[in-house]
Amino acid sequence: MNRTEFIIATAIILFVAFALGWFANWLVHRFIRVSSSDVGELDRMAQELHEAEETRDQAITYLQQREAELTNQLSQSEAEVRATMDGLREARQEAEQMRAYIDRMEKT
């Protein structure tokens, strides 16, 4: 095999490799090709996902606000109960003092 034959054989092998690569690329793209309806469906699904995430974020924000309001109301109710219990305790002590005073006055 002389130099010219070697160059021609190498060129043929490279051309065949190029042709096989090009054919394989064409074949893969032919089977993987995404139709416009699929792209439209993917766009619609992406939009729906985006809307669902926004709705979820709004729900989380609402729940956090509601939880803060309820916690505040609970704290206020607990403070009112403590104040009421303190007032009741004082009223009972005062009533007991009045009973003791009345008992002392009746004994005298």
PDB file of N, CA and C in Angstrom:
ATOM      1  N   MET A   1       0.858  -1.163   0.000  1.00  0.00           N
ATOM      2  CA  MET A   1       0.000   0.000   0.000  1.00  0.00           C
ATOM      3  C   MET A   1       0.905   1.227   0.000  1.00  0.00           C
ATOM      4  N   ASN A   2       0.762   2.003  -1.043  1.00  0.00           N
ATOM      5  CA  ASN A   2       1.588   3.197  -1.122  1.00  0.00           C
ATOM      6  C   ASN A   2       0.872   4.369  -0.458  1.00  0.00           C
ATOM      7  N   ARG A   3       1.508   5.499  -0.527  1.00  0.00           N
ATOM      8  CA  ARG A   3       1.018   6.689   0.175  1.00  0.00           C
ATOM      9  C   ARG A   3      -0.346   7.137  -0.345  1.00  0.00           C
ATOM     10  N   THR A   4      -0.581   7.123  -1.634  1.00  0.00           N
ATOM     11  CA  THR A   4      -1.832   7.558  -2.226  1.00  0.00           C
ATOM     12  C   THR A   4      -2.970   6.629  -1.816  1.00  0.00           C
ATOM     13  N   GLU A   5      -2.724   5.339  -1.861  1.00  0.00           N
ATOM     14  CA  GLU A   5      -3.756   4.383  -1.459  1.00  0.00           C
ATOM     15  C   GLU A   5      -4.099   4.549   0.027  1.00  0.00           C
ATOM     16  N   PHE A   6      -3.093   4.784   0.850  1.00  0.00           N
ATOM     17  CA  PHE A   6      -3.316   4.984   2.280  1.00  0.00           C
ATOM     18  C   PHE A   6      -4.176   6.226   2.540  1.00  0.00           C
ATOM     19  N   ILE A   7      -3.889   7.297   1.827  1.00  0.00           N
ATOM     20  CA  ILE A   7      -4.657   8.542   1.974  1.00  0.00           C
ATOM     21  C   ILE A   7      -6.099   8.317   1.524  1.00  0.00           C
ATOM     22  N   ILE A   8      -6.287   7.619   0.402  1.00  0.00           N
ATOM     23  CA  ILE A   8      -7.625   7.368  -0.106  1.00  0.00           C
ATOM     24  C   ILE A   8      -8.400   6.463   0.863  1.00  0.00           C
ATOM     25  N   ALA A   9      -7.761   5.428   1.405  1.00  0.00           N
ATOM     26  CA  ALA A   9      -8.419   4.525   2.350  1.00  0.00           C
ATOM     27  C   ALA A   9      -8.801   5.275   3.620  1.00  0.00           C
ATOM     28  N   THR A  10      -7.905   6.120   4.097  1.00  0.00           N
ATOM     29  CA  THR A  10      -8.187   6.918   5.296  1.00  0.00           C
ATOM     30  C   THR A  10      -9.345   7.871   5.031  1.00  0.00           C
ATOM     31  N   ALA A  11      -9.350   8.506   3.851  1.00  0.00           N
ATOM     32  CA  ALA A  11     -10.425   9.427   3.502  1.00  0.00           C
ATOM     33  C   ALA A  11     -11.762   8.692   3.430  1.00  0.00           C
ATOM     34  N   ILE A  12     -11.767   7.497   2.844  1.00  0.00           N
ATOM     35  CA  ILE A  12     -13.008   6.717   2.740  1.00  0.00           C
ATOM     36  C   ILE A  12     -13.496   6.330   4.140  1.00  0.00           C
ATOM     37  N   ILE A  13     -12.587   5.885   5.013  1.00  0.00           N
ATOM     38  CA  ILE A  13     -12.969   5.502   6.381  1.00  0.00           C
ATOM     39  C   ILE A  13     -13.536   6.710   7.131  1.00  0.00           C
ATOM     40  N   LEU A  14     -12.881   7.862   7.012  1.00  0.00           N
ATOM     41  CA  LEU A  14     -13.377   9.070   7.681  1.00  0.00           C
ATOM     42  C   LEU A  14     -14.733   9.499   7.124  1.00  0.00           C
ATOM     43  N   PHE A  15     -14.899   9.393   5.796  1.00  0.00           N
ATOM     44  CA  PHE A  15     -16.186   9.751   5.199  1.00  0.00           C
ATOM     45  C   PHE A  15     -17.289   8.812   5.680  1.00  0.00           C
ATOM     46  N   VAL A  16     -16.996   7.509   5.735  1.00  0.00           N
ATOM     47  CA  VAL A  16     -17.981   6.537   6.208  1.00  0.00           C
ATOM     48  C   VAL A  16     -18.327   6.826   7.676  1.00  0.00           C
ATOM     49  N   ALA A  17     -17.313   7.143   8.503  1.00  0.00           N
ATOM     50  CA  ALA A  17     -17.568   7.462   9.913  1.00  0.00           C
ATOM     51  C   ALA A  17     -18.429   8.727  10.020  1.00  0.00           C
ATOM     52  N   PHE A  18     -18.113   9.740   9.185  1.00  0.00           N
ATOM     53  CA  PHE A  18     -18.919  10.965   9.181  1.00  0.00           C
ATOM     54  C   PHE A  18     -20.356  10.661   8.772  1.00  0.00           C
ATOM     55  N   ALA A  19     -20.533   9.874   7.728  1.00  0.00           N
ATOM     56  CA  ALA A  19     -21.870   9.538   7.236  1.00  0.00           C
ATOM     57  C   ALA A  19     -22.651   8.757   8.287  1.00  0.00           C
ATOM     58  N   LEU A  20     -22.013   7.810   8.955  1.00  0.00           N
ATOM     59  CA  LEU A  20     -22.692   7.051  10.015  1.00  0.00           C
ATOM     60  C   LEU A  20     -23.072   7.964  11.180  1.00  0.00           C
ATOM     61  N   GLY A  21     -22.181   8.879  11.544  1.00  0.00           N
ATOM     62  CA  GLY A  21     -22.479   9.822  12.618  1.00  0.00           C
ATOM     63  C   GLY A  21     -23.634  10.741  12.264  1.00  0.00           C
ATOM     64  N   TRP A  22     -23.607  11.237  11.044  1.00  0.00           N
ATOM     65  CA  TRP A  22     -24.689  12.115  10.603  1.00  0.00           C
ATOM     66  C   TRP A  22     -26.017  11.363  10.577  1.00  0.00           C
ATOM     67  N   PHE A  23     -25.995  10.121  10.060  1.00  0.00           N
ATOM     68  CA  PHE A  23     -27.216   9.314  10.008  1.00  0.00           C
ATOM     69  C   PHE A  23     -27.732   9.013  11.423  1.00  0.00           C
ATOM     70  N   ALA A  24     -26.835   8.680  12.338  1.00  0.00           N
ATOM     71  CA  ALA A  24     -27.242   8.401  13.720  1.00  0.00           C
ATOM     72  C   ALA A  24     -27.846   9.660  14.349  1.00  0.00           C
ATOM     73  N   ASN A  25     -27.237  10.799  14.100  1.00  0.00           N
ATOM     74  CA  ASN A  25     -27.771  12.068  14.632  1.00  0.00           C
ATOM     75  C   ASN A  25     -29.155  12.345  14.061  1.00  0.00           C
ATOM     76  N   TRP A  26     -29.319  12.172  12.774  1.00  0.00           N
ATOM     77  CA  TRP A  26     -30.619  12.388  12.132  1.00  0.00           C
ATOM     78  C   TRP A  26     -31.663  11.433  12.707  1.00  0.00           C
ATOM     79  N   LEU A  27     -31.268  10.167  12.882  1.00  0.00           N
ATOM     80  CA  LEU A  27     -32.182   9.152  13.400  1.00  0.00           C
ATOM     81  C   LEU A  27     -32.608   9.485  14.834  1.00  0.00           C
ATOM     82  N   VAL A  28     -31.666   9.876  15.668  1.00  0.00           N
ATOM     83  CA  VAL A  28     -31.989  10.216  17.062  1.00  0.00           C
ATOM     84  C   VAL A  28     -32.924  11.418  17.096  1.00  0.00           C
ATOM     85  N   HIS A  29     -32.621  12.447  16.331  1.00  0.00           N
ATOM     86  CA  HIS A  29     -33.477  13.631  16.318  1.00  0.00           C
ATOM     87  C   HIS A  29     -34.848  13.339  15.723  1.00  0.00           C
ATOM     88  N   ARG A  30     -34.916  12.410  14.839  1.00  0.00           N
ATOM     89  CA  ARG A  30     -36.195  12.041  14.244  1.00  0.00           C
ATOM     90  C   ARG A  30     -37.109  11.410  15.287  1.00  0.00           C
ATOM     91  N   PHE A  31     -36.546  10.547  16.134  1.00  0.00           N
ATOM     92  CA  PHE A  31     -37.349   9.877  17.153  1.00  0.00           C
ATOM     93  C   PHE A  31     -37.601  10.755  18.382  1.00  0.00           C
ATOM     94  N   ILE A  32     -36.702  11.651  18.670  1.00  0.00           N
ATOM     95  CA  ILE A  32     -36.826  12.484  19.858  1.00  0.00           C
ATOM     96  C   ILE A  32     -37.562  13.790  19.565  1.00  0.00           C
ATOM     97  N   ARG A  33     -37.823  14.086  18.350  1.00  0.00           N
ATOM     98  CA  ARG A  33     -38.443  15.353  17.971  1.00  0.00           C
ATOM     99  C   ARG A  33     -39.714  15.589  18.781  1.00  0.00           C
ATOM    100  N   VAL A  34     -39.813  16.786  19.339  1.00  0.00           N
ATOM    101  CA  VAL A  34     -40.967  17.159  20.140  1.00  0.00           C
ATOM    102  C   VAL A  34     -41.935  17.919  19.241  1.00  0.00           C
ATOM    103  N   SER A  35     -43.177  17.475  19.247  1.00  0.00           N
ATOM    104  CA  SER A  35     -44.164  18.136  18.398  1.00  0.00           C
ATOM    105  C   SER A  35     -44.616  19.433  19.054  1.00  0.00           C
ATOM    106  N   SER A  36     -45.205  20.287  18.250  1.00  0.00           N
ATOM    107  CA  SER A  36     -45.657  21.584  18.775  1.00  0.00           C
ATOM    108  C   SER A  36     -46.776  21.411  19.794  1.00  0.00           C
ATOM    109  N   SER A  37     -47.598  20.378  19.630  1.00  0.00           N
ATOM    110  CA  SER A  37     -48.655  20.139  20.613  1.00  0.00           C
ATOM    111  C   SER A  37     -48.049  19.741  21.964  1.00  0.00           C
ATOM    112  N   ASP A  38     -46.956  18.957  21.934  1.00  0.00           N
ATOM    113  CA  ASP A  38     -46.276  18.601  23.179  1.00  0.00           C
ATOM    114  C   ASP A  38     -45.665  19.834  23.837  1.00  0.00           C
ATOM    115  N   VAL A  39     -45.094  20.708  23.045  1.00  0.00           N
ATOM    116  CA  VAL A  39     -44.519  21.940  23.586  1.00  0.00           C
ATOM    117  C   VAL A  39     -45.625  22.802  24.187  1.00  0.00           C
ATOM    118  N   GLY A  40     -46.754  22.886  23.504  1.00  0.00           N
ATOM    119  CA  GLY A  40     -47.888  23.637  24.029  1.00  0.00           C
ATOM    120  C   GLY A  40     -48.390  23.054  25.335  1.00  0.00           C
ATOM    121  N   GLU A  41     -48.441  21.734  25.404  1.00  0.00           N
ATOM    122  CA  GLU A  41     -48.889  21.079  26.630  1.00  0.00           C
ATOM    123  C   GLU A  41     -47.896  21.318  27.763  1.00  0.00           C
ATOM    124  N   LEU A  42     -46.606  21.272  27.446  1.00  0.00           N
ATOM    125  CA  LEU A  42     -45.599  21.560  28.469  1.00  0.00           C
ATOM    126  C   LEU A  42     -45.706  22.999  28.955  1.00  0.00           C
ATOM    127  N   ASP A  43     -45.955  23.933  28.042  1.00  0.00           N
ATOM    128  CA  ASP A  43     -46.135  25.331  28.442  1.00  0.00           C
ATOM    129  C   ASP A  43     -47.356  25.482  29.344  1.00  0.00           C
ATOM    130  N   ARG A  44     -48.448  24.807  28.996  1.00  0.00           N
ATOM    131  CA  ARG A  44     -49.659  24.868  29.803  1.00  0.00           C
ATOM    132  C   ARG A  44     -49.419  24.276  31.188  1.00  0.00           C
ATOM    133  N   MET A  45     -48.726  23.145  31.231  1.00  0.00           N
ATOM    134  CA  MET A  45     -48.426  22.521  32.521  1.00  0.00           C
ATOM    135  C   MET A  45     -47.516  23.412  33.368  1.00  0.00           C
ATOM    136  N   ALA A  46     -46.559  24.063  32.732  1.00  0.00           N
ATOM    137  CA  ALA A  46     -45.672  24.968  33.463  1.00  0.00           C
ATOM    138  C   ALA A  46     -46.461  26.143  34.025  1.00  0.00           C
ATOM    139  N   GLN A  47     -47.396  26.669  33.242  1.00  0.00           N
ATOM    140  CA  GLN A  47     -48.228  27.784  33.713  1.00  0.00           C
ATOM    141  C   GLN A  47     -49.113  27.339  34.883  1.00  0.00           C
ATOM    142  N   GLU A  48     -49.709  26.158  34.774  1.00  0.00           N
ATOM    143  CA  GLU A  48     -50.540  25.644  35.862  1.00  0.00           C
ATOM    144  C   GLU A  48     -49.720  25.412  37.123  1.00  0.00           C
ATOM    145  N   LEU A  49     -48.498  24.909  36.953  1.00  0.00           N
ATOM    146  CA  LEU A  49     -47.616  24.704  38.105  1.00  0.00           C
ATOM    147  C   LEU A  49     -47.280  26.041  38.761  1.00  0.00           C
ATOM    148  N   HIS A  50     -47.005  27.045  37.939  1.00  0.00           N
ATOM    149  CA  HIS A  50     -46.706  28.375  38.460  1.00  0.00           C
ATOM    150  C   HIS A  50     -47.899  28.933  39.239  1.00  0.00           C
ATOM    151  N   GLU A  51     -49.092  28.790  38.693  1.00  0.00           N
ATOM    152  CA  GLU A  51     -50.301  29.260  39.374  1.00  0.00           C
ATOM    153  C   GLU A  51     -50.535  28.492  40.682  1.00  0.00           C
ATOM    154  N   ALA A  52     -50.276  27.192  40.661  1.00  0.00           N
ATOM    155  CA  ALA A  52     -50.449  26.386  41.877  1.00  0.00           C
ATOM    156  C   ALA A  52     -49.450  26.828  42.954  1.00  0.00           C
ATOM    157  N   GLU A  53     -48.219  27.134  42.555  1.00  0.00           N
ATOM    158  CA  GLU A  53     -47.233  27.602  43.521  1.00  0.00           C
ATOM    159  C   GLU A  53     -47.641  28.951  44.101  1.00  0.00           C
ATOM    160  N   GLU A  54     -48.180  29.835  43.261  1.00  0.00           N
ATOM    161  CA  GLU A  54     -48.637  31.135  43.762  1.00  0.00           C
ATOM    162  C   GLU A  54     -49.795  30.949  44.744  1.00  0.00           C
ATOM    163  N   THR A  55     -50.715  30.053  44.418  1.00  0.00           N
ATOM    164  CA  THR A  55     -51.843  29.774  45.309  1.00  0.00           C
ATOM    165  C   THR A  55     -51.344  29.208  46.630  1.00  0.00           C
ATOM    166  N   ARG A  56     -50.384  28.295  46.556  1.00  0.00           N
ATOM    167  CA  ARG A  56     -49.806  27.722  47.776  1.00  0.00           C
ATOM    168  C   ARG A  56     -49.155  28.808  48.625  1.00  0.00           C
ATOM    169  N   ASP A  57     -48.386  29.698  47.993  1.00  0.00           N
ATOM    170  CA  ASP A  57     -47.744  30.781  48.728  1.00  0.00           C
ATOM    171  C   ASP A  57     -48.771  31.696  49.389  1.00  0.00           C
ATOM    172  N   GLN A  58     -49.856  31.984  48.680  1.00  0.00           N
ATOM    173  CA  GLN A  58     -50.911  32.816  49.252  1.00  0.00           C
ATOM    174  C   GLN A  58     -51.574  32.112  50.436  1.00  0.00           C
ATOM    175  N   ALA A  59     -51.788  30.810  50.303  1.00  0.00           N
ATOM    176  CA  ALA A  59     -52.403  30.048  51.399  1.00  0.00           C
ATOM    177  C   ALA A  59     -51.488  30.028  52.620  1.00  0.00           C
ATOM    178  N   ILE A  60     -50.202  29.868  52.395  1.00  0.00           N
ATOM    179  CA  ILE A  60     -49.248  29.864  53.507  1.00  0.00           C
ATOM    180  C   ILE A  60     -49.243  31.219  54.196  1.00  0.00           C
ATOM    181  N   THR A  61     -49.251  32.284  53.406  1.00  0.00           N
ATOM    182  CA  THR A  61     -49.274  33.630  53.978  1.00  0.00           C
ATOM    183  C   THR A  61     -50.550  33.849  54.782  1.00  0.00           C
ATOM    184  N   TYR A  62     -51.683  33.427  54.236  1.00  0.00           N
ATOM    185  CA  TYR A  62     -52.960  33.572  54.949  1.00  0.00           C
ATOM    186  C   TYR A  62     -52.933  32.799  56.265  1.00  0.00           C
ATOM    187  N   LEU A  63     -52.430  31.566  56.216  1.00  0.00           N
ATOM    188  CA  LEU A  63     -52.386  30.749  57.424  1.00  0.00           C
ATOM    189  C   LEU A  63     -51.463  31.358  58.476  1.00  0.00           C
ATOM    190  N   GLN A  64     -50.354  31.926  58.046  1.00  0.00           N
ATOM    191  CA  GLN A  64     -49.454  32.569  59.000  1.00  0.00           C
ATOM    192  C   GLN A  64     -50.114  33.785  59.635  1.00  0.00           C
ATOM    193  N   GLN A  65     -50.823  34.575  58.841  1.00  0.00           N
ATOM    194  CA  GLN A  65     -51.521  35.731  59.388  1.00  0.00           C
ATOM    195  C   GLN A  65     -52.619  35.290  60.352  1.00  0.00           C
ATOM    196  N   ARG A  66     -53.359  34.270  59.964  1.00  0.00           N
ATOM    197  CA  ARG A  66     -54.445  33.772  60.811  1.00  0.00           C
ATOM    198  C   ARG A  66     -53.888  33.216  62.117  1.00  0.00           C
ATOM    199  N   GLU A  67     -52.773  32.501  62.033  1.00  0.00           N
ATOM    200  CA  GLU A  67     -52.150  31.961  63.230  1.00  0.00           C
ATOM    201  C   GLU A  67     -51.696  33.085  64.165  1.00  0.00           C
ATOM    202  N   ALA A  68     -51.135  34.155  63.592  1.00  0.00           N
ATOM    203  CA  ALA A  68     -50.714  35.294  64.406  1.00  0.00           C
ATOM    204  C   ALA A  68     -51.923  35.946  65.082  1.00  0.00           C
ATOM    205  N   GLU A  69     -53.024  36.102  64.344  1.00  0.00           N
ATOM    206  CA  GLU A  69     -54.238  36.679  64.919  1.00  0.00           C
ATOM    207  C   GLU A  69     -54.774  35.815  66.057  1.00  0.00           C
ATOM    208  N   LEU A  70     -54.829  34.505  65.839  1.00  0.00           N
ATOM    209  CA  LEU A  70     -55.353  33.608  66.863  1.00  0.00           C
ATOM    210  C   LEU A  70     -54.440  33.565  68.090  1.00  0.00           C
ATOM    211  N   THR A  71     -53.139  33.611  67.869  1.00  0.00           N
ATOM    212  CA  THR A  71     -52.201  33.651  68.987  1.00  0.00           C
ATOM    213  C   THR A  71     -52.396  34.921  69.791  1.00  0.00           C
ATOM    214  N   ASN A  72     -52.599  36.038  69.107  1.00  0.00           N
ATOM    215  CA  ASN A  72     -52.845  37.310  69.774  1.00  0.00           C
ATOM    216  C   ASN A  72     -54.139  37.251  70.575  1.00  0.00           C
ATOM    217  N   GLN A  73     -55.201  36.714  69.968  1.00  0.00           N
ATOM    218  CA  GLN A  73     -56.476  36.584  70.674  1.00  0.00           C
ATOM    219  C   GLN A  73     -56.342  35.682  71.893  1.00  0.00           C
ATOM    220  N   LEU A  74     -55.589  34.594  71.758  1.00  0.00           N
ATOM    221  CA  LEU A  74     -55.377  33.686  72.880  1.00  0.00           C
ATOM    222  C   LEU A  74     -54.633  34.385  74.009  1.00  0.00           C
ATOM    223  N   SER A  75     -53.619  35.153  73.665  1.00  0.00           N
ATOM    224  CA  SER A  75     -52.869  35.893  74.684  1.00  0.00           C
ATOM    225  C   SER A  75     -53.771  36.894  75.391  1.00  0.00           C
ATOM    226  N   GLN A  76     -54.608  37.585  74.629  1.00  0.00           N
ATOM    227  CA  GLN A  76     -55.533  38.537  75.234  1.00  0.00           C
ATOM    228  C   GLN A  76     -56.531  37.818  76.145  1.00  0.00           C
ATOM    229  N   SER A  77     -57.043  36.689  75.695  1.00  0.00           N
ATOM    230  CA  SER A  77     -58.008  35.927  76.504  1.00  0.00           C
ATOM    231  C   SER A  77     -57.350  35.433  77.790  1.00  0.00           C
ATOM    232  N   GLU A  78     -56.120  34.958  77.688  1.00  0.00           N
ATOM    233  CA  GLU A  78     -55.417  34.502  78.883  1.00  0.00           C
ATOM    234  C   GLU A  78     -55.193  35.656  79.850  1.00  0.00           C
ATOM    235  N   ALA A  79     -54.858  36.826  79.341  1.00  0.00           N
ATOM    236  CA  ALA A  79     -54.673  37.995  80.202  1.00  0.00           C
ATOM    237  C   ALA A  79     -55.985  38.373  80.873  1.00  0.00           C
ATOM    238  N   GLU A  80     -57.078  38.322  80.119  1.00  0.00           N
ATOM    239  CA  GLU A  80     -58.391  38.628  80.699  1.00  0.00           C
ATOM    240  C   GLU A  80     -58.770  37.616  81.773  1.00  0.00           C
ATOM    241  N   VAL A  81     -58.486  36.342  81.536  1.00  0.00           N
ATOM    242  CA  VAL A  81     -58.794  35.303  82.524  1.00  0.00           C
ATOM    243  C   VAL A  81     -57.973  35.540  83.787  1.00  0.00           C
ATOM    244  N   ARG A  82     -56.687  35.852  83.634  1.00  0.00           N
ATOM    245  CA  ARG A  82     -55.853  36.126  84.809  1.00  0.00           C
ATOM    246  C   ARG A  82     -56.392  37.319  85.586  1.00  0.00           C
ATOM    247  N   ALA A  83     -56.775  38.385  84.858  1.00  0.00           N
ATOM    248  CA  ALA A  83     -57.317  39.572  85.523  1.00  0.00           C
ATOM    249  C   ALA A  83     -58.621  39.230  86.247  1.00  0.00           C
ATOM    250  N   THR A  84     -59.464  38.438  85.598  1.00  0.00           N
ATOM    251  CA  THR A  84     -60.730  38.033  86.212  1.00  0.00           C
ATOM    252  C   THR A  84     -60.481  37.183  87.449  1.00  0.00           C
ATOM    253  N   MET A  85     -59.547  36.250  87.357  1.00  0.00           N
ATOM    254  CA  MET A  85     -59.232  35.395  88.503  1.00  0.00           C
ATOM    255  C   MET A  85     -58.664  36.217  89.657  1.00  0.00           C
ATOM    256  N   ASP A  86     -57.823  37.199  89.340  1.00  0.00           N
ATOM    257  CA  ASP A  86     -57.293  38.070  90.386  1.00  0.00           C
ATOM    258  C   ASP A  86     -58.421  38.857  91.046  1.00  0.00           C
ATOM    259  N   GLY A  87     -59.330  39.380  90.226  1.00  0.00           N
ATOM    260  CA  GLY A  87     -60.474  40.109  90.763  1.00  0.00           C
ATOM    261  C   GLY A  87     -61.357  39.219  91.618  1.00  0.00           C
ATOM    262  N   LEU A  88     -61.590  37.999  91.183  1.00  0.00           N
ATOM    263  CA  LEU A  88     -62.400  37.048  91.950  1.00  0.00           C
ATOM    264  C   LEU A  88     -61.720  36.708  93.278  1.00  0.00           C
ATOM    265  N   ARG A  89     -60.417  36.504  93.241  1.00  0.00           N
ATOM    266  CA  ARG A  89     -59.666  36.209  94.453  1.00  0.00           C
ATOM    267  C   ARG A  89     -59.786  37.366  95.449  1.00  0.00           C
ATOM    268  N   GLU A  90     -59.630  38.586  94.932  1.00  0.00           N
ATOM    269  CA  GLU A  90     -59.765  39.761  95.797  1.00  0.00           C
ATOM    270  C   GLU A  90     -61.182  39.878  96.351  1.00  0.00           C
ATOM    271  N   ALA A  91     -62.183  39.584  95.502  1.00  0.00           N
ATOM    272  CA  ALA A  91     -63.577  39.652  95.970  1.00  0.00           C
ATOM    273  C   ALA A  91     -63.837  38.602  97.046  1.00  0.00           C
ATOM    274  N   ARG A  92     -63.277  37.406  96.892  1.00  0.00           N
ATOM    275  CA  ARG A  92     -63.447  36.361  97.908  1.00  0.00           C
ATOM    276  C   ARG A  92     -62.776  36.768  99.224  1.00  0.00           C
ATOM    277  N   GLN A  93     -61.581  37.339  99.111  1.00  0.00           N
ATOM    278  CA  GLN A  93     -60.890  37.792 100.321  1.00  0.00           C
ATOM    279  C   GLN A  93     -61.690  38.885 101.020  1.00  0.00           C
ATOM    280  N   GLU A  94     -62.213  39.790 100.209  1.00  0.00           N
ATOM    281  CA  GLU A  94     -63.013  40.885 100.776  1.00  0.00           C
ATOM    282  C   GLU A  94     -64.288  40.335 101.417  1.00  0.00           C
ATOM    283  N   ALA A  95     -64.916  39.365 100.752  1.00  0.00           N
ATOM    284  CA  ALA A  95     -66.120  38.757 101.310  1.00  0.00           C
ATOM    285  C   ALA A  95     -65.784  38.032 102.609  1.00  0.00           C
ATOM    286  N   GLU A  96     -64.653  37.331 102.656  1.00  0.00           N
ATOM    287  CA  GLU A  96     -64.234  36.634 103.873  1.00  0.00           C
ATOM    288  C   GLU A  96     -63.953  37.626 104.990  1.00  0.00           C
ATOM    289  N   GLN A  97     -63.333  38.741 104.647  1.00  0.00           N
ATOM    290  CA  GLN A  97     -63.079  39.782 105.642  1.00  0.00           C
ATOM    291  C   GLN A  97     -64.390  40.362 106.159  1.00  0.00           C
ATOM    292  N   MET A  98     -65.353  40.552 105.253  1.00  0.00           N
ATOM    293  CA  MET A  98     -66.658  41.082 105.666  1.00  0.00           C
ATOM    294  C   MET A  98     -67.374  40.084 106.586  1.00  0.00           C
ATOM    295  N   ARG A  99     -67.308  38.791 106.263  1.00  0.00           N
ATOM    296  CA  ARG A  99     -67.922  37.771 107.115  1.00  0.00           C
ATOM    297  C   ARG A  99     -67.265  37.774 108.498  1.00  0.00           C
ATOM    298  N   ALA A 100     -65.938  37.842 108.484  1.00  0.00           N
ATOM    299  CA  ALA A 100     -65.233  37.874 109.771  1.00  0.00           C
ATOM    300  C   ALA A 100     -65.619  39.120 110.556  1.00  0.00           C
ATOM    301  N   TYR A 101     -65.727  40.222 109.880  1.00  0.00           N
ATOM    302  CA  TYR A 101     -66.119  41.478 110.549  1.00  0.00           C
ATOM    303  C   TYR A 101     -67.535  41.363 111.112  1.00  0.00           C
ATOM    304  N   ILE A 102     -68.430  40.794 110.291  1.00  0.00           N
ATOM    305  CA  ILE A 102     -69.824  40.634 110.740  1.00  0.00           C
ATOM    306  C   ILE A 102     -69.866  39.684 111.930  1.00  0.00           C
ATOM    307  N   ASP A 103     -69.108  38.581 111.887  1.00  0.00           N
ATOM    308  CA  ASP A 103     -69.071  37.637 113.011  1.00  0.00           C
ATOM    309  C   ASP A 103     -68.549  38.323 114.271  1.00  0.00           C
ATOM    310  N   ARG A 104     -67.541  39.149 114.146  1.00  0.00           N
ATOM    311  CA  ARG A 104     -67.001  39.872 115.305  1.00  0.00           C
ATOM    312  C   ARG A 104     -68.016  40.856 115.863  1.00  0.00           C
ATOM    313  N   MET A 105     -68.734  41.513 114.943  1.00  0.00           N
ATOM    314  CA  MET A 105     -69.724  42.503 115.378  1.00  0.00           C
ATOM    315  C   MET A 105     -70.899  41.820 116.076  1.00  0.00           C
ATOM    316  N   GLU A 106     -71.264  40.628 115.594  1.00  0.00           N
ATOM    317  CA  GLU A 106     -72.379  39.918 116.221  1.00  0.00           C
ATOM    318  C   GLU A 106     -71.986  39.389 117.583  1.00  0.00           C
ATOM    319  N   LYS A 107     -70.752  39.063 117.779  1.00  0.00           N
ATOM    320  CA  LYS A 107     -70.282  38.518 119.059  1.00  0.00           C
ATOM    321  C   LYS A 107     -70.143  39.622 120.093  1.00  0.00           C
ATOM    322  N   THR A 108     -69.984  40.827 119.688  1.00  0.00           N
ATOM    323  CA  THR A 108     -69.864  41.932 120.607  1.00  0.00           C
ATOM    324  C   THR A 108     -71.143  42.547 121.010  1.00  0.00           C
TER     325      THR A 108
END
